[in-house]
Amino acid sequence: MKQLWAPWRMAYLNEAQPVHGCVFCVKAHEDKDNDNYVIHRGDRCFALLNLYPYNSGHLLIVPYLHTGDFSEIDEETGRELFATSQLAMLVFNEVMHPEGFNLGVNQGKAAGAGIADHIHLHLVPRWGGDTNFMPVLADAKVMPELLTATALKLREGFARHSSSS
């Protein structure tokens, strides 16, 4: 069996500053969308860029409801989570042209959740050859674009689609 190593993820565990309360609940209620890289807000969930991305554009889609258990998400919130994921994929296809996506939930610490107390979806755009030797040999993850530039493109894309619906 092959193993995939992601040593750059340790930065999240070792360097992330503690936030009093739930980081997602704080971001949900703050009026700092630019500073928090919030891309889109819906009635039941919001989308923001991951500060410790696996790849450029790594988006987190987060319900406003604070729960660590996906089975506690009500039906309407579940629909909006997936509708937001679909909208995000449409926007990504227009502005970043990925060749695929990873979409998933890590529920619980044992499943790899960095923030286990507040469930969230990961949407990671993928391109052929987007993994390379840099994280292993140089302890560096190559990100071709700053979070601020990615946020701007995605916000504009979401705004176009939100105004047309």
N, C-alpha and C. Protein backbone atom coordinates (compact mmCIF):
# COMPACT_ATOMS: atom_id res chain seq x y z
N MET A 1 0.84 -1.18 0.00
CA MET A 1 0.00 0.00 0.00
C MET A 1 0.89 1.25 0.00
N LYS A 2 0.55 2.21 -0.86
CA LYS A 2 1.28 3.47 -0.90
C LYS A 2 0.73 4.40 0.17
N GLN A 3 1.58 5.28 0.67
CA GLN A 3 1.14 6.27 1.64
C GLN A 3 1.40 7.65 1.09
N LEU A 4 0.48 8.54 1.35
CA LEU A 4 0.65 9.94 0.97
C LEU A 4 0.99 10.72 2.23
N TRP A 5 2.04 11.49 2.15
CA TRP A 5 2.47 12.28 3.29
C TRP A 5 2.18 13.75 3.01
N ALA A 6 1.68 14.45 3.98
CA ALA A 6 1.37 15.87 3.84
C ALA A 6 1.97 16.63 5.02
N PRO A 7 3.32 16.70 5.10
CA PRO A 7 3.94 17.32 6.26
C PRO A 7 3.61 18.80 6.42
N TRP A 8 3.24 19.49 5.35
CA TRP A 8 2.89 20.90 5.47
C TRP A 8 1.65 21.12 6.33
N ARG A 9 0.83 20.08 6.52
CA ARG A 9 -0.36 20.19 7.37
C ARG A 9 0.02 20.42 8.84
N MET A 10 1.25 20.06 9.22
CA MET A 10 1.67 20.27 10.60
C MET A 10 1.68 21.75 10.95
N ALA A 11 1.84 22.63 9.96
CA ALA A 11 1.79 24.06 10.24
C ALA A 11 0.46 24.43 10.87
N TYR A 12 -0.59 23.81 10.39
CA TYR A 12 -1.92 24.09 10.96
C TYR A 12 -1.97 23.66 12.42
N LEU A 13 -1.44 22.49 12.70
CA LEU A 13 -1.50 21.96 14.06
C LEU A 13 -0.55 22.70 15.01
N ASN A 14 0.63 23.08 14.50
CA ASN A 14 1.65 23.65 15.36
C ASN A 14 1.63 25.18 15.44
N GLU A 15 1.18 25.85 14.37
CA GLU A 15 1.32 27.30 14.32
C GLU A 15 0.02 28.06 14.41
N ALA A 16 -1.10 27.41 14.24
CA ALA A 16 -2.38 28.12 14.25
C ALA A 16 -2.60 28.76 15.61
N GLN A 17 -2.98 30.03 15.60
CA GLN A 17 -3.23 30.75 16.84
C GLN A 17 -4.57 30.30 17.43
N PRO A 18 -4.61 30.05 18.73
CA PRO A 18 -5.88 29.63 19.33
C PRO A 18 -6.91 30.76 19.26
N VAL A 19 -8.13 30.39 19.01
CA VAL A 19 -9.24 31.34 18.96
C VAL A 19 -10.19 30.97 20.09
N HIS A 20 -10.59 31.97 20.84
CA HIS A 20 -11.55 31.71 21.91
C HIS A 20 -12.89 31.42 21.28
N GLY A 21 -13.42 30.25 21.55
CA GLY A 21 -14.64 29.81 20.89
C GLY A 21 -14.30 29.12 19.59
N CYS A 22 -15.30 28.81 18.84
CA CYS A 22 -15.13 28.10 17.57
C CYS A 22 -14.71 29.09 16.48
N VAL A 23 -13.63 28.78 15.78
CA VAL A 23 -13.12 29.66 14.73
C VAL A 23 -14.17 29.90 13.64
N PHE A 24 -14.94 28.87 13.29
CA PHE A 24 -15.96 29.05 12.26
C PHE A 24 -17.12 29.90 12.77
N CYS A 25 -17.51 29.71 14.02
CA CYS A 25 -18.59 30.54 14.59
C CYS A 25 -18.15 32.00 14.67
N VAL A 26 -16.88 32.23 15.03
CA VAL A 26 -16.35 33.59 15.08
C VAL A 26 -16.41 34.22 13.70
N LYS A 27 -15.90 33.51 12.68
CA LYS A 27 -15.89 34.04 11.31
C LYS A 27 -17.31 34.23 10.78
N ALA A 28 -18.22 33.37 11.18
CA ALA A 28 -19.61 33.48 10.72
C ALA A 28 -20.25 34.77 11.20
N HIS A 29 -19.84 35.25 12.38
CA HIS A 29 -20.49 36.42 12.96
C HIS A 29 -19.68 37.70 12.84
N GLU A 30 -18.43 37.60 12.42
CA GLU A 30 -17.61 38.80 12.24
C GLU A 30 -18.00 39.50 10.94
N ASP A 31 -17.77 40.79 10.92
CA ASP A 31 -17.99 41.57 9.70
C ASP A 31 -16.63 41.87 9.07
N LYS A 32 -15.85 40.79 8.83
CA LYS A 32 -14.50 40.92 8.28
C LYS A 32 -14.30 39.92 7.15
N ASP A 33 -15.23 39.89 6.21
CA ASP A 33 -15.17 38.87 5.17
C ASP A 33 -13.87 38.92 4.36
N ASN A 34 -13.36 40.13 4.06
CA ASN A 34 -12.11 40.21 3.31
C ASN A 34 -10.95 39.64 4.12
N ASP A 35 -10.84 40.05 5.38
CA ASP A 35 -9.75 39.56 6.24
C ASP A 35 -9.84 38.06 6.49
N ASN A 36 -11.06 37.54 6.55
CA ASN A 36 -11.28 36.12 6.83
C ASN A 36 -11.37 35.26 5.57
N TYR A 37 -11.19 35.88 4.41
CA TYR A 37 -11.26 35.18 3.11
C TYR A 37 -12.61 34.49 2.91
N VAL A 38 -13.67 35.11 3.44
CA VAL A 38 -15.02 34.60 3.19
C VAL A 38 -15.38 34.98 1.76
N ILE A 39 -15.77 34.00 0.98
CA ILE A 39 -16.04 34.18 -0.45
C ILE A 39 -17.53 34.38 -0.71
N HIS A 40 -18.35 33.69 0.05
CA HIS A 40 -19.79 33.67 -0.22
C HIS A 40 -20.54 33.42 1.08
N ARG A 41 -21.69 34.07 1.22
CA ARG A 41 -22.57 33.83 2.36
C ARG A 41 -23.96 33.47 1.85
N GLY A 42 -24.49 32.40 2.37
CA GLY A 42 -25.86 32.00 2.09
C GLY A 42 -26.70 32.14 3.34
N ASP A 43 -27.92 31.64 3.28
CA ASP A 43 -28.81 31.70 4.44
C ASP A 43 -28.38 30.75 5.55
N ARG A 44 -27.82 29.59 5.17
CA ARG A 44 -27.51 28.54 6.15
C ARG A 44 -26.03 28.14 6.19
N CYS A 45 -25.24 28.65 5.25
CA CYS A 45 -23.81 28.31 5.24
C CYS A 45 -23.02 29.42 4.56
N PHE A 46 -21.72 29.35 4.72
CA PHE A 46 -20.82 30.30 4.06
C PHE A 46 -19.60 29.54 3.56
N ALA A 47 -18.89 30.16 2.62
CA ALA A 47 -17.70 29.54 2.02
C ALA A 47 -16.51 30.47 2.23
N LEU A 48 -15.39 29.88 2.63
CA LEU A 48 -14.17 30.66 2.83
C LEU A 48 -12.97 29.85 2.39
N LEU A 49 -11.90 30.56 2.03
CA LEU A 49 -10.67 29.88 1.65
C LEU A 49 -9.99 29.31 2.89
N ASN A 50 -9.40 28.13 2.72
CA ASN A 50 -8.64 27.49 3.78
C ASN A 50 -7.30 28.22 3.91
N LEU A 51 -6.94 28.63 5.12
CA LEU A 51 -5.66 29.31 5.34
C LEU A 51 -4.47 28.36 5.22
N TYR A 52 -4.72 27.06 5.30
CA TYR A 52 -3.67 26.05 5.17
C TYR A 52 -4.08 25.09 4.05
N PRO A 53 -4.10 25.58 2.81
CA PRO A 53 -4.69 24.81 1.71
C PRO A 53 -3.86 23.63 1.26
N TYR A 54 -4.57 22.60 0.81
CA TYR A 54 -3.91 21.48 0.13
C TYR A 54 -3.50 21.92 -1.27
N ASN A 55 -4.24 22.88 -1.83
CA ASN A 55 -4.06 23.31 -3.20
C ASN A 55 -4.62 24.72 -3.34
N SER A 56 -4.25 25.43 -4.39
CA SER A 56 -4.81 26.75 -4.64
C SER A 56 -6.33 26.65 -4.76
N GLY A 57 -7.03 27.53 -4.08
CA GLY A 57 -8.47 27.55 -4.15
C GLY A 57 -9.18 26.64 -3.16
N HIS A 58 -8.45 25.96 -2.29
CA HIS A 58 -9.05 25.04 -1.32
C HIS A 58 -10.11 25.80 -0.51
N LEU A 59 -11.36 25.44 -0.74
CA LEU A 59 -12.50 26.14 -0.16
C LEU A 59 -13.13 25.30 0.95
N LEU A 60 -13.56 25.96 2.01
CA LEU A 60 -14.31 25.32 3.08
C LEU A 60 -15.74 25.84 3.03
N ILE A 61 -16.70 24.94 3.04
CA ILE A 61 -18.11 25.32 3.02
C ILE A 61 -18.67 24.91 4.38
N VAL A 62 -19.10 25.91 5.14
CA VAL A 62 -19.36 25.75 6.57
C VAL A 62 -20.80 26.12 6.91
N PRO A 63 -21.54 25.24 7.58
CA PRO A 63 -22.87 25.63 8.03
C PRO A 63 -22.75 26.61 9.20
N TYR A 64 -23.73 27.49 9.33
CA TYR A 64 -23.76 28.38 10.50
C TYR A 64 -24.05 27.57 11.76
N LEU A 65 -24.76 26.47 11.62
CA LEU A 65 -25.07 25.59 12.75
C LEU A 65 -23.78 24.98 13.30
N HIS A 66 -23.55 25.16 14.59
CA HIS A 66 -22.35 24.61 15.23
C HIS A 66 -22.62 23.17 15.66
N THR A 67 -22.02 22.23 14.93
CA THR A 67 -22.09 20.82 15.29
C THR A 67 -20.88 20.11 14.69
N GLY A 68 -20.41 19.10 15.38
CA GLY A 68 -19.32 18.28 14.87
C GLY A 68 -19.81 16.99 14.23
N ASP A 69 -21.12 16.84 14.13
CA ASP A 69 -21.71 15.59 13.63
C ASP A 69 -22.58 15.89 12.41
N PHE A 70 -22.16 15.38 11.26
CA PHE A 70 -22.88 15.65 10.01
C PHE A 70 -24.33 15.18 10.07
N SER A 71 -24.60 14.14 10.84
CA SER A 71 -25.97 13.63 10.93
C SER A 71 -26.90 14.59 11.67
N GLU A 72 -26.36 15.60 12.33
CA GLU A 72 -27.17 16.60 13.02
C GLU A 72 -27.54 17.78 12.12
N ILE A 73 -27.04 17.78 10.90
CA ILE A 73 -27.36 18.86 9.95
C ILE A 73 -28.78 18.65 9.45
N ASP A 74 -29.61 19.68 9.53
CA ASP A 74 -30.99 19.56 9.04
C ASP A 74 -30.99 19.51 7.51
N GLU A 75 -32.11 19.07 6.96
CA GLU A 75 -32.22 18.83 5.52
C GLU A 75 -31.98 20.10 4.70
N GLU A 76 -32.54 21.22 5.13
CA GLU A 76 -32.37 22.48 4.39
C GLU A 76 -30.90 22.91 4.36
N THR A 77 -30.23 22.79 5.50
CA THR A 77 -28.81 23.15 5.56
C THR A 77 -28.00 22.21 4.68
N GLY A 78 -28.31 20.93 4.71
CA GLY A 78 -27.62 19.97 3.85
C GLY A 78 -27.78 20.32 2.38
N ARG A 79 -29.00 20.70 1.99
CA ARG A 79 -29.23 21.09 0.59
C ARG A 79 -28.39 22.31 0.23
N GLU A 80 -28.35 23.29 1.14
CA GLU A 80 -27.58 24.49 0.83
C GLU A 80 -26.07 24.21 0.79
N LEU A 81 -25.59 23.32 1.66
CA LEU A 81 -24.17 22.96 1.61
C LEU A 81 -23.80 22.41 0.24
N PHE A 82 -24.64 21.51 -0.28
CA PHE A 82 -24.32 20.91 -1.57
C PHE A 82 -24.61 21.85 -2.73
N ALA A 83 -25.63 22.69 -2.61
CA ALA A 83 -25.89 23.69 -3.66
C ALA A 83 -24.72 24.68 -3.73
N THR A 84 -24.18 25.06 -2.58
CA THR A 84 -23.03 25.96 -2.55
C THR A 84 -21.81 25.27 -3.14
N SER A 85 -21.65 23.98 -2.88
CA SER A 85 -20.54 23.22 -3.49
C SER A 85 -20.67 23.21 -5.00
N GLN A 86 -21.87 22.99 -5.51
CA GLN A 86 -22.09 22.98 -6.96
C GLN A 86 -21.81 24.36 -7.55
N LEU A 87 -22.29 25.41 -6.90
CA LEU A 87 -22.03 26.76 -7.38
C LEU A 87 -20.53 27.05 -7.38
N ALA A 88 -19.85 26.64 -6.32
CA ALA A 88 -18.40 26.85 -6.25
C ALA A 88 -17.69 26.13 -7.39
N MET A 89 -18.10 24.91 -7.70
CA MET A 89 -17.48 24.18 -8.82
C MET A 89 -17.70 24.92 -10.14
N LEU A 90 -18.88 25.46 -10.33
CA LEU A 90 -19.17 26.24 -11.53
C LEU A 90 -18.24 27.45 -11.61
N VAL A 91 -18.10 28.16 -10.49
CA VAL A 91 -17.22 29.33 -10.45
C VAL A 91 -15.77 28.92 -10.68
N PHE A 92 -15.32 27.87 -10.00
CA PHE A 92 -13.94 27.40 -10.22
C PHE A 92 -13.70 27.08 -11.69
N ASN A 93 -14.65 26.39 -12.32
CA ASN A 93 -14.48 26.03 -13.73
C ASN A 93 -14.33 27.26 -14.60
N GLU A 94 -15.01 28.33 -14.26
CA GLU A 94 -14.92 29.57 -15.05
C GLU A 94 -13.64 30.36 -14.79
N VAL A 95 -13.21 30.42 -13.54
CA VAL A 95 -12.11 31.34 -13.22
C VAL A 95 -10.76 30.66 -12.99
N MET A 96 -10.74 29.36 -12.72
CA MET A 96 -9.46 28.68 -12.45
C MET A 96 -9.23 27.46 -13.34
N HIS A 97 -10.25 26.98 -13.99
CA HIS A 97 -10.16 25.88 -14.96
C HIS A 97 -9.49 24.61 -14.42
N PRO A 98 -9.95 24.10 -13.27
CA PRO A 98 -9.37 22.85 -12.76
C PRO A 98 -9.77 21.67 -13.64
N GLU A 99 -9.04 20.59 -13.48
CA GLU A 99 -9.34 19.36 -14.23
C GLU A 99 -10.16 18.38 -13.40
N GLY A 100 -10.39 18.70 -12.14
CA GLY A 100 -11.17 17.85 -11.26
C GLY A 100 -11.31 18.49 -9.90
N PHE A 101 -11.98 17.79 -9.00
CA PHE A 101 -12.21 18.29 -7.64
C PHE A 101 -12.15 17.13 -6.64
N ASN A 102 -11.73 17.45 -5.43
CA ASN A 102 -11.96 16.59 -4.28
C ASN A 102 -13.00 17.31 -3.43
N LEU A 103 -14.03 16.58 -3.01
CA LEU A 103 -15.08 17.12 -2.16
C LEU A 103 -15.27 16.14 -1.02
N GLY A 104 -15.16 16.61 0.22
CA GLY A 104 -15.29 15.67 1.32
C GLY A 104 -15.44 16.31 2.68
N VAL A 105 -15.75 15.46 3.64
CA VAL A 105 -15.92 15.85 5.04
C VAL A 105 -15.03 14.94 5.88
N ASN A 106 -14.29 15.52 6.80
CA ASN A 106 -13.53 14.76 7.78
C ASN A 106 -14.25 14.95 9.11
N GLN A 107 -14.99 13.95 9.54
CA GLN A 107 -15.75 14.07 10.79
C GLN A 107 -14.98 13.41 11.92
N GLY A 108 -14.55 14.21 12.88
CA GLY A 108 -13.81 13.72 14.03
C GLY A 108 -12.31 13.79 13.83
N LYS A 109 -11.59 13.91 14.93
CA LYS A 109 -10.12 13.98 14.88
C LYS A 109 -9.51 12.76 14.21
N ALA A 110 -10.06 11.57 14.51
CA ALA A 110 -9.52 10.34 13.95
C ALA A 110 -9.65 10.31 12.43
N ALA A 111 -10.62 11.04 11.89
CA ALA A 111 -10.82 11.10 10.44
C ALA A 111 -10.00 12.21 9.79
N GLY A 112 -9.25 12.95 10.59
CA GLY A 112 -8.40 13.99 10.04
C GLY A 112 -8.94 15.40 10.17
N ALA A 113 -10.03 15.58 10.90
CA ALA A 113 -10.60 16.92 11.05
C ALA A 113 -9.69 17.79 11.89
N GLY A 114 -9.25 18.91 11.33
CA GLY A 114 -8.46 19.87 12.08
C GLY A 114 -9.32 20.67 13.04
N ILE A 115 -10.56 20.91 12.65
CA ILE A 115 -11.55 21.58 13.49
C ILE A 115 -12.72 20.61 13.61
N ALA A 116 -12.65 19.76 14.61
CA ALA A 116 -13.60 18.64 14.72
C ALA A 116 -14.96 19.05 15.28
N ASP A 117 -15.03 20.18 15.97
CA ASP A 117 -16.27 20.55 16.64
C ASP A 117 -17.27 21.28 15.74
N HIS A 118 -16.86 21.62 14.52
CA HIS A 118 -17.76 22.32 13.60
C HIS A 118 -17.57 21.71 12.21
N ILE A 119 -18.55 20.92 11.81
CA ILE A 119 -18.47 20.19 10.55
C ILE A 119 -18.33 21.17 9.38
N HIS A 120 -17.61 20.78 8.35
CA HIS A 120 -17.45 21.61 7.16
C HIS A 120 -17.03 20.73 5.99
N LEU A 121 -17.38 21.18 4.81
CA LEU A 121 -17.00 20.47 3.57
C LEU A 121 -15.71 21.08 3.03
N HIS A 122 -14.85 20.23 2.52
CA HIS A 122 -13.66 20.68 1.80
C HIS A 122 -13.93 20.53 0.32
N LEU A 123 -13.68 21.58 -0.45
CA LEU A 123 -13.74 21.52 -1.90
C LEU A 123 -12.38 21.94 -2.41
N VAL A 124 -11.66 21.00 -3.02
CA VAL A 124 -10.30 21.25 -3.46
C VAL A 124 -10.23 21.09 -4.98
N PRO A 125 -9.97 22.19 -5.71
CA PRO A 125 -9.79 22.05 -7.15
C PRO A 125 -8.47 21.34 -7.43
N ARG A 126 -8.45 20.53 -8.50
CA ARG A 126 -7.26 19.73 -8.81
C ARG A 126 -6.86 19.89 -10.27
N TRP A 127 -5.57 19.83 -10.52
CA TRP A 127 -5.00 19.87 -11.85
C TRP A 127 -4.02 18.72 -11.99
N GLY A 128 -3.89 18.20 -13.20
CA GLY A 128 -2.89 17.16 -13.44
C GLY A 128 -1.51 17.68 -13.06
N GLY A 129 -0.78 16.91 -12.28
CA GLY A 129 0.57 17.31 -11.88
C GLY A 129 0.61 18.34 -10.76
N ASP A 130 -0.51 18.53 -10.04
CA ASP A 130 -0.51 19.55 -8.99
C ASP A 130 0.18 19.09 -7.70
N THR A 131 0.59 17.85 -7.65
CA THR A 131 1.42 17.40 -6.53
C THR A 131 2.82 17.15 -7.07
N ASN A 132 3.81 17.49 -6.28
CA ASN A 132 5.18 17.34 -6.75
C ASN A 132 6.10 17.04 -5.57
N PHE A 133 7.36 17.15 -5.80
CA PHE A 133 8.38 16.77 -4.82
C PHE A 133 8.67 17.86 -3.79
N MET A 134 8.23 19.07 -3.99
CA MET A 134 8.61 20.18 -3.11
C MET A 134 8.27 19.96 -1.63
N PRO A 135 7.07 19.49 -1.28
CA PRO A 135 6.78 19.32 0.15
C PRO A 135 7.71 18.31 0.83
N VAL A 136 8.12 17.30 0.11
CA VAL A 136 8.95 16.26 0.70
C VAL A 136 10.42 16.68 0.74
N LEU A 137 10.94 17.18 -0.38
CA LEU A 137 12.37 17.50 -0.44
C LEU A 137 12.72 18.85 0.16
N ALA A 138 11.85 19.83 -0.01
CA ALA A 138 12.18 21.19 0.43
C ALA A 138 11.32 21.68 1.58
N ASP A 139 10.45 20.82 2.10
CA ASP A 139 9.54 21.21 3.18
C ASP A 139 8.78 22.49 2.81
N ALA A 140 8.33 22.54 1.55
CA ALA A 140 7.63 23.72 1.03
C ALA A 140 6.49 23.29 0.13
N LYS A 141 5.39 23.98 0.23
CA LYS A 141 4.24 23.74 -0.64
C LYS A 141 4.18 24.89 -1.62
N VAL A 142 4.18 24.61 -2.90
CA VAL A 142 4.16 25.65 -3.93
C VAL A 142 2.71 26.05 -4.20
N MET A 143 2.41 27.31 -3.94
CA MET A 143 1.09 27.86 -4.22
C MET A 143 1.29 28.94 -5.28
N PRO A 144 0.73 28.76 -6.46
CA PRO A 144 1.01 29.69 -7.55
C PRO A 144 0.31 31.04 -7.44
N GLU A 145 -0.56 31.20 -6.44
CA GLU A 145 -1.33 32.43 -6.36
C GLU A 145 -1.58 32.78 -4.90
N LEU A 146 -1.55 34.06 -4.57
CA LEU A 146 -1.84 34.50 -3.21
C LEU A 146 -3.31 34.30 -2.88
N LEU A 147 -3.61 34.06 -1.61
CA LEU A 147 -5.00 33.89 -1.18
C LEU A 147 -5.85 35.09 -1.57
N THR A 148 -5.29 36.30 -1.46
CA THR A 148 -6.06 37.50 -1.78
C THR A 148 -6.48 37.51 -3.25
N ALA A 149 -5.60 37.09 -4.14
CA ALA A 149 -5.92 37.06 -5.57
C ALA A 149 -6.98 35.99 -5.86
N THR A 150 -6.83 34.83 -5.25
CA THR A 150 -7.82 33.76 -5.42
C THR A 150 -9.17 34.22 -4.89
N ALA A 151 -9.17 34.84 -3.71
CA ALA A 151 -10.42 35.32 -3.10
C ALA A 151 -11.13 36.31 -4.02
N LEU A 152 -10.40 37.22 -4.60
CA LEU A 152 -11.00 38.22 -5.48
C LEU A 152 -11.67 37.56 -6.69
N LYS A 153 -10.96 36.64 -7.33
CA LYS A 153 -11.54 35.95 -8.50
C LYS A 153 -12.80 35.18 -8.13
N LEU A 154 -12.74 34.47 -7.01
CA LEU A 154 -13.88 33.66 -6.61
C LEU A 154 -15.07 34.53 -6.18
N ARG A 155 -14.80 35.61 -5.45
CA ARG A 155 -15.89 36.51 -5.05
C ARG A 155 -16.60 37.08 -6.27
N GLU A 156 -15.81 37.49 -7.26
CA GLU A 156 -16.41 38.03 -8.49
C GLU A 156 -17.25 36.98 -9.19
N GLY A 157 -16.76 35.74 -9.24
CA GLY A 157 -17.52 34.66 -9.87
C GLY A 157 -18.81 34.35 -9.13
N PHE A 158 -18.74 34.28 -7.80
CA PHE A 158 -19.94 34.04 -7.01
C PHE A 158 -20.94 35.18 -7.21
N ALA A 159 -20.45 36.42 -7.24
CA ALA A 159 -21.33 37.58 -7.41
C ALA A 159 -22.05 37.52 -8.75
N ARG A 160 -21.34 37.15 -9.81
CA ARG A 160 -21.97 37.03 -11.14
C ARG A 160 -23.11 36.03 -11.10
N HIS A 161 -22.87 34.89 -10.48
CA HIS A 161 -23.89 33.83 -10.46
C HIS A 161 -25.01 34.12 -9.47
N SER A 162 -24.69 34.79 -8.39
CA SER A 162 -25.73 35.13 -7.41
C SER A 162 -26.68 36.17 -7.96
N SER A 163 -26.16 37.11 -8.76
CA SER A 163 -27.02 38.16 -9.32
C SER A 163 -27.84 37.65 -10.49
N SER A 164 -27.42 36.54 -11.11
CA SER A 164 -28.16 36.02 -12.27
C SER A 164 -29.23 35.02 -11.87
N SER A 165 -29.29 34.64 -10.58
CA SER A 165 -30.30 33.66 -10.17
C SER A 165 -31.49 34.29 -9.53
